[in-house]
């Protein structure tokens, strides 16, 4: 699961969200929505512009923006003998087409990705290493069904130039036939075809690891969590796990429900007049959503930053997304509060806070703490004022493009990338209140030093400096007692 989201906002364009395939309804119909996760998207009617958002996912694991629509179903069941499948528009291969039977005798892994999913691209070095390590037993093939050869080649070139990753795996470009055979609503999405040409598994990206491939190479059976949830119809406007979600829920008036990690269920963060839903998230992420800032004009969800959360608990490993780089699915939960009678979203939010505190045996309060922060400062205010052009806040793995946005909106967009996990709070000390524009900087964005280098020519700099910031302290009530007079976070 990945909460890593790379944000692309451009108007007069349409494209597919990275973490989950979504419809093209205005996102204000869904807001507030996810975020490991988290970017909404349209200007209000004042701007009268069309919009585009491409989001990457993680996980988060993990997270998505839109309300759940009818999920796609694969044409095949696990164990089915697959027909002869020919892939087209190949690059990094000796021909532009190939039949997958060519790789019979090896396990073929189709790795669906696109340029909006940062985690799927950042995993490329791992893919290259695994392919080399198990080259006699496995063939990994990248699949980008939405972009043509030129677009994919441009992405590969940028990764080679900026991130020094030379992707050499066979890559399918703009081949929607595979998406018809193996529909999906999130990426990375992996289709495993065994040595006999049978559908072996459909999994998320974390299952592609040396342990599983080593077992395959030795002929041992492996058990991997399947993306089973995509076959269920899940309507987040109705009670979960009842009727189409399991059982008859027509007479339910009020329901609070919590489940353990639900494989395949897409991430959802939302509160409206009848329900509040947080799916496949840790307790920490739940509180970050419930204490988020207001959505900005670009639709950013603005989760409370992880860098400003402090845990006072017996065992932090019980609350982490990863421990020693291992994804801890046992720390993920799905929670929903449902009211048949519409109520103010603020009331539902308050009840959600109470519910989650009770279940986990925790309480929260606000504090001040001096922390090392990434401080954005201006060295020359004449170099970045907005002059003209469309609105753009694009934060890609290999660069930044800003136009007609504020520095606050820029930092909010940064928090939708790997800086979502950064230990350093982001602080704006430019003192500039207007819009900025024509900032096009090539850099390894996840490296703040390289980003600082690229922004210097625009009269900007990022530096690490100590600052006093607001902190959300989450503590176990049977383990820690705060000082009298603290301001509780309700």
Protein backbone atom coordinates (compact mmCIF):
# COMPACT_ATOMS: atom_id res chain seq x y z
CA UNK A 1 0.00 0.00 0.00
CA UNK A 2 1.29 3.36 -0.78
CA UNK A 3 0.23 6.78 0.26
CA UNK A 4 2.64 8.21 -2.28
CA UNK A 5 0.80 10.48 -4.63
CA UNK A 6 2.31 12.58 -7.36
CA UNK A 7 0.05 15.43 -8.33
CA UNK A 8 -0.57 16.69 -11.84
CA UNK A 9 -3.09 19.47 -12.29
CA UNK A 10 -3.65 20.81 -15.75
CA UNK A 11 -6.76 22.28 -17.29
CA UNK A 12 -8.45 21.59 -20.63
CA UNK A 13 -7.24 18.01 -20.50
CA UNK A 14 -8.48 14.64 -19.26
CA UNK A 15 -6.63 11.56 -18.08
CA UNK A 16 -6.82 8.59 -15.80
CA UNK A 17 -6.03 8.75 -12.11
CA UNK A 18 -3.02 6.74 -11.16
CA UNK A 19 -4.14 4.99 -8.04
CA UNK A 20 -7.56 3.99 -9.19
CA UNK A 21 -9.44 4.29 -12.46
CA UNK A 22 -12.10 6.94 -11.92
CA UNK A 23 -14.98 8.51 -13.77
CA UNK A 24 -14.93 12.08 -15.02
CA UNK A 25 -17.58 13.60 -12.73
CA UNK A 26 -16.55 16.82 -10.98
CA UNK A 27 -14.62 15.93 -7.86
CA UNK A 28 -16.63 18.36 -5.76
CA UNK A 29 -19.30 15.63 -5.82
CA UNK A 30 -16.92 13.41 -3.89
CA UNK A 31 -15.05 15.78 -1.61
CA UNK A 32 -13.66 15.50 0.91
CA UNK A 33 -12.00 12.41 -0.42
CA UNK A 34 -8.88 10.41 -0.10
CA UNK A 35 -5.69 11.07 0.37
CA UNK A 36 -2.97 8.31 1.74
CA UNK A 37 -4.30 10.50 -0.10
CA UNK A 38 -5.90 13.11 -1.28
CA UNK A 39 -6.08 15.37 -3.97
CA UNK A 40 -9.31 16.72 -5.11
CA UNK A 41 -9.66 18.69 -8.03
CA UNK A 42 -11.68 21.32 -9.54
CA UNK A 43 -11.84 25.05 -9.28
CA UNK A 44 -15.25 26.42 -8.37
CA UNK A 45 -17.40 28.18 -10.92
CA UNK A 46 -15.41 31.39 -10.61
CA UNK A 47 -12.61 29.83 -12.60
CA UNK A 48 -14.83 27.97 -15.13
CA UNK A 49 -12.02 25.71 -16.22
CA UNK A 50 -11.83 22.04 -17.00
CA UNK A 51 -9.36 20.15 -14.93
CA UNK A 52 -7.00 17.27 -14.75
CA UNK A 53 -5.59 15.43 -11.84
CA UNK A 54 -3.26 12.48 -12.01
CA UNK A 55 -2.61 10.95 -8.64
CA UNK A 56 -0.15 8.37 -7.39
CA UNK A 57 -0.63 5.81 -5.19
CA UNK A 58 1.01 3.61 -2.49
CA UNK A 59 -0.06 2.99 -0.15
CA UNK A 60 -1.11 4.70 0.83
CA UNK A 61 -1.54 1.66 -0.36
CA UNK A 62 -3.16 2.79 -0.58
CA UNK A 63 -5.69 5.49 -1.31
CA UNK A 64 -8.08 6.99 -3.86
CA UNK A 65 -10.18 9.96 -4.64
CA UNK A 66 -13.48 9.01 -6.25
CA UNK A 67 -16.54 7.37 -4.82
CA UNK A 68 -16.52 3.66 -5.62
CA UNK A 69 -18.14 2.74 -8.92
CA UNK A 70 -18.92 -0.77 -10.11
CA UNK A 71 -15.53 -2.49 -9.95
CA UNK A 72 -14.19 -4.26 -13.04
CA UNK A 73 -14.18 -8.04 -13.17
CA UNK A 74 -11.51 -10.17 -14.79
CA UNK A 75 -12.60 -12.39 -17.64
CA UNK A 76 -10.66 -15.21 -16.02
CA UNK A 77 -10.61 -17.04 -12.71
CA UNK A 78 -7.45 -18.12 -10.95
CA UNK A 79 -6.27 -21.38 -12.48
CA UNK A 80 -7.84 -20.71 -15.90
CA UNK A 81 -5.80 -21.62 -18.95
CA UNK A 82 -5.26 -18.33 -20.72
CA UNK A 83 -5.58 -17.97 -24.49
CA UNK A 84 -2.58 -17.02 -26.60
CA UNK A 85 -2.09 -13.35 -25.74
CA UNK A 86 -0.14 -11.08 -28.08
CA UNK A 87 1.21 -7.86 -26.61
CA UNK A 88 1.74 -4.88 -28.90
CA UNK A 89 3.70 -1.63 -29.05
CA UNK A 90 6.69 -3.08 -27.21
CA UNK A 91 9.83 -1.13 -26.44
CA UNK A 92 13.03 -2.45 -24.85
CA UNK A 93 12.48 -5.63 -26.87
CA UNK A 94 13.74 -7.04 -30.18
CA UNK A 95 10.33 -6.72 -31.83
CA UNK A 96 7.26 -4.50 -31.39
CA UNK A 97 4.88 -7.45 -30.81
CA UNK A 98 5.22 -10.75 -29.00
CA UNK A 99 3.00 -13.65 -27.96
CA UNK A 100 3.25 -14.45 -24.26
CA UNK A 101 3.61 -18.14 -25.12
CA UNK A 102 7.15 -17.16 -26.14
CA UNK A 103 7.95 -17.08 -22.41
CA UNK A 104 6.40 -20.46 -21.62
CA UNK A 105 8.50 -22.19 -19.01
CA UNK A 106 8.86 -18.93 -17.10
CA UNK A 107 6.45 -17.15 -14.79
CA UNK A 108 5.28 -14.03 -16.65
CA UNK A 109 4.42 -11.03 -14.47
CA UNK A 110 2.50 -8.19 -16.14
CA UNK A 111 3.22 -5.04 -14.15
CA UNK A 112 0.57 -2.35 -14.85
CA UNK A 113 1.73 1.21 -14.18
CA UNK A 114 1.51 4.79 -15.45
CA UNK A 115 3.38 8.05 -14.89
CA UNK A 116 0.90 9.29 -12.31
CA UNK A 117 1.84 6.56 -9.82
CA UNK A 118 5.08 7.50 -8.11
CA UNK A 119 5.41 4.24 -6.19
CA UNK A 120 5.17 2.11 -9.34
CA UNK A 121 8.01 4.10 -10.92
CA UNK A 122 10.12 4.29 -7.79
CA UNK A 123 9.98 0.49 -7.65
CA UNK A 124 11.83 0.16 -10.96
CA UNK A 125 15.30 -0.47 -9.47
CA UNK A 126 13.79 -3.32 -7.46
CA UNK A 127 12.15 -4.77 -10.59
CA UNK A 128 15.43 -4.66 -12.51
CA UNK A 129 17.26 -6.37 -9.65
CA UNK A 130 14.62 -9.12 -9.30
CA UNK A 131 14.58 -9.72 -13.07
CA UNK A 132 18.34 -10.18 -13.12
CA UNK A 133 18.31 -12.36 -10.00
CA UNK A 134 15.58 -14.68 -11.31
CA UNK A 135 16.06 -14.29 -15.08
CA UNK A 136 15.93 -18.05 -15.67
CA UNK A 137 12.54 -18.37 -14.00
CA UNK A 138 10.67 -15.07 -14.38
CA UNK A 139 9.90 -12.49 -17.06
CA UNK A 140 8.60 -9.14 -15.83
CA UNK A 141 6.81 -7.04 -18.49
CA UNK A 142 5.75 -3.46 -17.80
CA UNK A 143 2.31 -2.47 -19.13
CA UNK A 144 1.22 1.13 -19.68
CA UNK A 145 -2.13 0.94 -21.44
CA UNK A 146 -2.76 4.70 -21.55
CA UNK A 147 0.39 6.23 -23.09
CA UNK A 148 2.03 5.70 -26.46
CA UNK A 149 5.66 4.82 -27.21
CA UNK A 150 6.86 8.41 -27.35
CA UNK A 151 5.29 9.32 -24.01
CA UNK A 152 6.72 6.23 -22.33
CA UNK A 153 10.15 6.80 -23.89
CA UNK A 154 10.08 10.36 -22.52
CA UNK A 155 9.36 9.00 -19.04
CA UNK A 156 12.21 6.49 -19.34
CA UNK A 157 14.55 9.23 -20.55
CA UNK A 158 13.63 11.49 -17.63
CA UNK A 159 14.18 8.68 -15.14
CA UNK A 160 17.57 7.91 -16.68
CA UNK A 161 18.59 11.57 -16.59
CA UNK A 162 17.22 12.66 -13.22
CA UNK A 163 17.01 9.48 -11.12
CA UNK A 164 19.77 7.52 -12.86
CA UNK A 165 17.49 4.52 -13.39
CA UNK A 166 17.85 2.82 -16.77
CA UNK A 167 14.64 0.84 -17.27
CA UNK A 168 15.45 -2.02 -19.68
CA UNK A 169 12.50 -4.36 -19.06
CA UNK A 170 10.17 -5.08 -22.01
CA UNK A 171 7.45 -2.44 -21.87
CA UNK A 172 4.02 -2.51 -23.51
CA UNK A 173 2.74 0.92 -24.56
CA UNK A 174 -0.86 1.94 -25.28
CA UNK A 175 -2.20 -1.63 -25.40
CA UNK A 176 -5.73 -1.44 -24.03
CA UNK A 177 -6.44 -5.06 -24.94
CA UNK A 178 -4.62 -6.17 -21.79
CA UNK A 179 -6.75 -3.85 -19.71
CA UNK A 180 -9.86 -5.50 -21.17
CA UNK A 181 -8.54 -8.97 -20.30
CA UNK A 182 -7.30 -7.95 -16.87
CA UNK A 183 -9.28 -4.88 -15.73
CA UNK A 184 -8.07 -3.09 -12.65
CA UNK A 185 -8.93 -0.04 -10.57
CA UNK A 186 -5.58 0.59 -8.90
CA UNK A 187 -1.86 0.39 -9.64
CA UNK A 188 0.65 -1.11 -9.34
CA UNK A 189 -1.46 -4.05 -10.55
CA UNK A 190 0.28 -7.39 -11.13
CA UNK A 191 -1.02 -10.29 -13.22
CA UNK A 192 0.93 -13.53 -12.64
CA UNK A 193 0.86 -16.18 -15.41
CA UNK A 194 2.45 -19.49 -14.47
CA UNK A 195 4.86 -21.60 -16.52
CA UNK A 196 1.97 -23.47 -18.13
CA UNK A 197 0.17 -20.32 -19.25
CA UNK A 198 -2.48 -20.37 -16.50
CA UNK A 199 -3.64 -17.38 -14.47
CA UNK A 200 -1.77 -17.83 -11.22
CA UNK A 201 -2.49 -14.66 -9.24
CA UNK A 202 -3.63 -11.04 -9.36
CA UNK A 203 -1.88 -9.01 -6.68
CA UNK A 204 -0.66 -5.62 -5.58
CA UNK A 205 2.96 -4.59 -6.07
CA UNK A 206 4.28 -5.59 -2.64
CA UNK A 207 3.97 -9.31 -3.53
CA UNK A 208 6.72 -8.99 -6.12
CA UNK A 209 9.67 -9.77 -3.87
CA UNK A 210 12.66 -12.09 -3.61
CA UNK A 211 10.92 -14.42 -1.15
CA UNK A 212 8.02 -15.20 -3.50
CA UNK A 213 10.19 -15.40 -6.62
CA UNK A 214 12.68 -17.60 -4.80
CA UNK A 215 9.88 -20.00 -3.87
CA UNK A 216 8.73 -20.11 -7.51
CA UNK A 217 12.26 -20.79 -8.69
CA UNK A 218 12.49 -23.74 -6.28
CA UNK A 219 9.10 -25.12 -7.30
CA UNK A 220 7.53 -24.40 -3.93
CA UNK A 221 3.92 -23.27 -3.58
CA UNK A 222 3.36 -19.69 -2.47
CA UNK A 223 0.31 -18.00 -1.01
CA UNK A 224 -0.22 -14.36 -1.93
CA UNK A 225 -3.10 -12.05 -0.97
CA UNK A 226 -5.22 -11.58 -4.08
CA UNK A 227 -6.90 -8.35 -5.10
CA UNK A 228 -10.22 -10.03 -4.35
CA UNK A 229 -11.93 -6.82 -3.28
CA UNK A 230 -12.12 -5.53 -6.85
CA UNK A 231 -14.82 -8.08 -7.65
CA UNK A 232 -17.15 -6.67 -4.98
CA UNK A 233 -19.49 -3.76 -5.51
CA UNK A 234 -18.78 -1.35 -2.67
CA UNK A 235 -20.94 1.75 -2.32
CA UNK A 236 -19.49 4.08 0.28
CA UNK A 237 -22.79 6.01 0.47
CA UNK A 238 -24.47 2.96 2.07
CA UNK A 239 -23.53 0.76 5.05
CA UNK A 240 -20.52 -1.42 4.41
CA UNK A 241 -20.76 -5.22 4.52
CA UNK A 242 -24.58 -5.22 4.27
CA UNK A 243 -26.75 -6.07 1.28
CA UNK A 244 -24.49 -5.70 -1.75
CA UNK A 245 -21.75 -5.23 0.84
CA UNK A 246 -23.15 -8.22 2.73
CA UNK A 247 -26.71 -8.67 4.11
CA UNK A 248 -29.86 -6.56 4.37
CA UNK A 249 -29.23 -3.00 5.59
CA UNK A 250 -32.42 -1.22 4.53
CA UNK A 251 -33.59 -0.60 8.11
CA UNK A 252 -30.28 0.44 9.62
CA UNK A 253 -30.59 3.93 11.14
CA UNK A 254 -27.11 4.40 12.58
CA UNK A 255 -24.11 2.16 12.25
CA UNK A 256 -20.51 2.31 13.35
CA UNK A 257 -18.37 -0.49 12.02
CA UNK A 258 -14.68 -1.37 12.05
CA UNK A 259 -12.98 -4.21 10.23
CA UNK A 260 -9.46 -5.47 9.85
CA UNK A 261 -7.63 -4.96 6.56
CA UNK A 262 -9.93 -5.87 3.68
CA UNK A 263 -7.84 -7.19 0.71
CA UNK A 264 -8.54 -5.45 -2.55
CA UNK A 265 -10.79 -2.74 -1.13
CA UNK A 266 -9.68 0.58 -2.55
CA UNK A 267 -8.80 3.38 -0.16
CA UNK A 268 -11.52 5.90 0.65
CA UNK A 269 -11.49 9.03 2.81
CA UNK A 270 -14.82 10.86 2.88
CA UNK A 271 -17.38 12.57 5.08
CA UNK A 272 -20.77 13.75 3.84
CA UNK A 273 -24.23 14.13 5.39
CA UNK A 274 -24.91 10.39 5.84
CA UNK A 275 -21.56 8.65 6.18
CA UNK A 276 -17.94 8.97 7.10
CA UNK A 277 -15.57 6.38 5.70
CA UNK A 278 -11.88 5.64 6.14
CA UNK A 279 -10.81 2.38 4.52
CA UNK A 280 -7.61 0.32 4.75
CA UNK A 281 -5.77 2.89 6.85
CA UNK A 282 -3.77 2.96 10.06
CA UNK A 283 -5.06 4.62 13.21
CA UNK A 284 -2.54 7.44 12.69
CA UNK A 285 -3.79 8.15 9.17
CA UNK A 286 -7.39 8.17 10.45
CA UNK A 287 -6.56 10.97 12.88
CA UNK A 288 -4.57 12.82 10.22
CA UNK A 289 -7.68 12.83 8.03
CA UNK A 290 -10.01 13.84 10.86
CA UNK A 291 -7.73 16.78 11.78
CA UNK A 292 -6.99 17.92 8.24
CA UNK A 293 -7.13 21.52 7.04
CA UNK A 294 -9.89 22.77 4.79
CA UNK A 295 -9.69 21.75 1.14
CA UNK A 296 -7.98 24.46 -0.94
CA UNK A 297 -9.12 25.87 -4.29
CA UNK A 298 -7.18 23.15 -6.15
CA UNK A 299 -8.91 20.43 -4.19
CA UNK A 300 -5.96 19.25 -2.08
CA UNK A 301 -7.22 17.19 0.83
CA UNK A 302 -4.53 18.52 3.17
CA UNK A 303 -4.14 15.69 5.67
CA UNK A 304 -2.50 16.83 8.87
CA UNK A 305 1.21 16.23 8.08
CA UNK A 306 2.77 13.04 9.41
CA UNK A 307 5.83 15.09 10.37
CA UNK A 308 3.70 16.85 12.99
CA UNK A 309 2.36 13.73 14.69
CA UNK A 310 3.96 12.38 17.87
CA UNK A 311 3.10 8.98 19.37
CA UNK A 312 3.30 8.27 23.08
CA UNK A 313 2.50 4.55 23.14
CA UNK A 314 3.99 1.32 24.44
CA UNK A 315 4.80 -0.10 21.02
CA UNK A 316 4.89 2.19 17.97
CA UNK A 317 5.18 -0.86 15.67
CA UNK A 318 1.46 -1.54 16.29
CA UNK A 319 0.55 1.67 14.46
CA UNK A 320 3.09 1.96 11.64
CA UNK A 321 2.46 1.41 7.92
CA UNK A 322 5.86 -0.26 7.60
CA UNK A 323 8.29 -1.71 10.11
CA UNK A 324 11.82 -2.37 8.84
CA UNK A 325 10.44 -1.76 5.32
CA UNK A 326 7.85 -4.54 5.76
CA UNK A 327 4.24 -3.57 5.09
CA UNK A 328 2.20 -4.25 8.25
CA UNK A 329 -1.30 -5.01 6.99
CA UNK A 330 -2.36 -6.04 10.50
CA UNK A 331 -2.15 -2.33 11.39
CA UNK A 332 -4.70 -1.37 8.71
CA UNK A 333 -8.42 -1.05 9.42
CA UNK A 334 -11.58 -0.05 7.61
CA UNK A 335 -14.02 2.14 9.53
CA UNK A 336 -17.42 3.61 8.69
CA UNK A 337 -20.00 5.65 10.55
CA UNK A 338 -23.40 5.62 8.82
CA UNK A 339 -26.54 7.63 9.52
CA UNK A 340 -29.74 7.02 7.56
CA UNK A 341 -30.99 10.44 8.63
CA UNK A 342 -28.76 13.20 7.16
CA UNK A 343 -26.69 15.10 9.69
CA UNK A 344 -24.11 17.83 9.49
CA UNK A 345 -20.74 16.40 8.38
CA UNK A 346 -19.15 18.10 11.40
CA UNK A 347 -21.32 15.98 13.71
CA UNK A 348 -20.32 12.78 11.94
CA UNK A 349 -16.68 13.81 12.08
CA UNK A 350 -16.88 14.38 15.88
CA UNK A 351 -18.50 10.97 16.37
CA UNK A 352 -15.81 9.33 14.22
CA UNK A 353 -13.11 10.85 16.44
CA UNK A 354 -14.86 9.50 19.55
CA UNK A 355 -15.30 6.03 18.02
CA UNK A 356 -11.68 5.67 16.95
CA UNK A 357 -10.34 6.93 20.27
CA UNK A 358 -12.49 4.41 22.14
CA UNK A 359 -11.50 1.45 20.00
CA UNK A 360 -7.76 2.07 20.09
CA UNK A 361 -7.71 3.31 23.69
CA UNK A 362 -6.06 6.59 22.75
CA UNK A 363 -6.51 10.31 23.26
CA UNK A 364 -5.06 13.33 21.42
CA UNK A 365 -3.96 16.82 22.36
CA UNK A 366 -2.25 19.80 20.73
CA UNK A 367 1.23 20.88 21.65
CA UNK A 368 4.14 22.99 20.43
CA UNK A 369 7.49 21.43 19.58
CA UNK A 370 10.73 22.64 18.09
CA UNK A 371 11.55 20.50 15.08
CA UNK A 372 13.91 20.51 12.14
CA UNK A 373 11.82 21.84 9.23
CA UNK A 374 12.18 22.30 5.49
CA UNK A 375 11.89 26.07 5.22
CA UNK A 376 11.09 27.71 1.87
CA UNK A 377 12.59 31.20 1.59
CA UNK A 378 12.80 33.79 -1.18
CA UNK A 379 16.17 35.24 -2.20
CA UNK A 380 14.92 37.25 -5.18
CA UNK A 381 11.20 38.06 -5.38
CA UNK A 382 11.55 39.46 -8.90
CA UNK A 383 12.08 36.02 -10.46
CA UNK A 384 8.86 34.17 -9.73
CA UNK A 385 5.72 36.40 -9.87
CA UNK A 386 2.88 35.05 -12.04
CA UNK A 387 2.49 36.89 -15.34
CA UNK A 388 0.13 34.89 -17.55
CA UNK A 389 -0.87 31.40 -18.67
CA UNK A 390 -2.86 28.47 -17.37
CA UNK A 391 -2.94 27.24 -13.79
CA UNK A 392 -0.47 24.44 -13.10
CA UNK A 393 0.73 22.71 -9.96
CA UNK A 394 2.51 19.63 -11.25
CA UNK A 395 4.83 17.76 -8.91
CA UNK A 396 6.46 14.88 -10.75
CA UNK A 397 9.30 12.58 -9.66
CA UNK A 398 11.61 14.43 -12.06
CA UNK A 399 10.51 18.03 -11.72
CA UNK A 400 8.17 20.83 -10.69
CA UNK A 401 5.96 23.03 -12.87
CA UNK A 402 4.16 25.92 -11.15
CA UNK A 403 2.03 28.67 -12.66
CA UNK A 404 -0.73 30.86 -11.19
CA UNK A 405 -0.54 29.25 -7.74
CA UNK A 406 0.48 30.44 -4.28
CA UNK A 407 3.40 29.10 -2.28
CA UNK A 408 0.90 27.57 0.14
CA UNK A 409 -0.68 25.66 -2.75
CA UNK A 410 2.80 24.59 -3.87
CA UNK A 411 3.62 23.17 -0.41
CA UNK A 412 0.21 21.48 -0.22
CA UNK A 413 0.99 19.80 -3.53
CA UNK A 414 4.40 18.75 -2.18
CA UNK A 415 2.63 17.02 0.72
CA UNK A 416 0.87 14.84 -1.85
CA UNK A 417 4.21 13.38 -2.94
CA UNK A 418 6.89 11.48 -1.02
CA UNK A 419 7.02 14.49 1.31
CA UNK A 420 3.80 13.03 2.69
CA UNK A 421 6.16 10.70 4.61
CA UNK A 422 8.90 13.26 5.26
CA UNK A 423 10.02 13.78 8.89
CA UNK A 424 10.43 17.50 8.17
CA UNK A 425 7.43 19.87 8.35
CA UNK A 426 7.22 22.22 5.35
CA UNK A 427 7.30 25.92 6.25
CA UNK A 428 6.70 28.92 3.97
CA UNK A 429 8.83 31.88 4.99
CA UNK A 430 8.98 33.60 1.60
CA UNK A 431 6.73 36.41 2.83
CA UNK A 432 5.27 36.50 -0.68
CA UNK A 433 1.43 36.57 -0.76
CA UNK A 434 0.80 36.73 -4.50
CA UNK A 435 0.72 34.05 -7.20
CA UNK A 436 3.91 32.59 -8.64
CA UNK A 437 4.48 31.49 -12.20
CA UNK A 438 6.72 30.12 -14.92
CA UNK A 439 8.65 27.89 -12.53
CA UNK A 440 9.79 24.81 -14.45
CA UNK A 441 12.52 23.02 -12.52
CA UNK A 442 14.10 19.65 -13.33
CA UNK A 443 15.12 17.79 -10.19
CA UNK A 444 14.91 14.59 -8.23
CA UNK A 445 11.95 15.93 -6.29
CA UNK A 446 12.17 13.45 -3.42
CA UNK A 447 15.68 14.76 -2.69
CA UNK A 448 15.16 18.17 -1.09
CA UNK A 449 18.78 19.16 -1.73
CA UNK A 450 18.43 18.53 -5.47
CA UNK A 451 15.07 20.31 -5.49
CA UNK A 452 16.71 23.27 -3.72
CA UNK A 453 19.42 23.36 -6.40
CA UNK A 454 16.81 23.50 -9.16
CA UNK A 455 14.75 26.21 -7.46
CA UNK A 456 17.71 28.49 -6.76
CA UNK A 457 17.56 30.04 -10.23
CA UNK A 458 14.01 31.18 -9.47
CA UNK A 459 15.12 33.05 -6.34
CA UNK A 460 13.97 30.30 -3.98
CA UNK A 461 15.70 28.01 -1.53
CA UNK A 462 14.81 25.10 0.74
CA UNK A 463 16.89 24.78 3.90
CA UNK A 464 16.68 22.63 7.02
CA UNK A 465 16.19 24.86 10.06
CA UNK A 466 14.69 24.41 13.54
CA UNK A 467 11.24 25.95 14.02
CA UNK A 468 8.47 25.67 16.59
CA UNK A 469 5.42 24.00 15.04
CA UNK A 470 2.02 22.69 16.10
CA UNK A 471 2.11 19.01 17.03
CA UNK A 472 -0.70 16.46 17.36
CA UNK A 473 0.19 14.13 20.23
CA UNK A 474 -1.58 10.74 20.14
CA UNK A 475 -1.19 8.76 23.34
CA UNK A 476 -2.45 5.52 24.89
CA UNK A 477 -4.52 6.46 27.92
CA UNK A 478 -3.25 3.54 30.03
CA UNK A 479 0.38 4.36 29.25
CA UNK A 480 0.79 8.14 29.30
CA UNK A 481 -0.74 11.01 31.28
CA UNK A 482 -0.41 14.54 29.82
CA UNK A 483 0.24 17.64 31.88
CA UNK A 484 -2.88 19.40 33.22
CA UNK A 485 -4.34 22.10 31.01
CA UNK A 486 -3.51 20.63 27.60
CA UNK A 487 -5.84 21.39 24.69
CA UNK A 488 -7.44 18.11 23.69
CA UNK A 489 -7.91 17.46 19.97
CA UNK A 490 -11.59 16.59 19.54
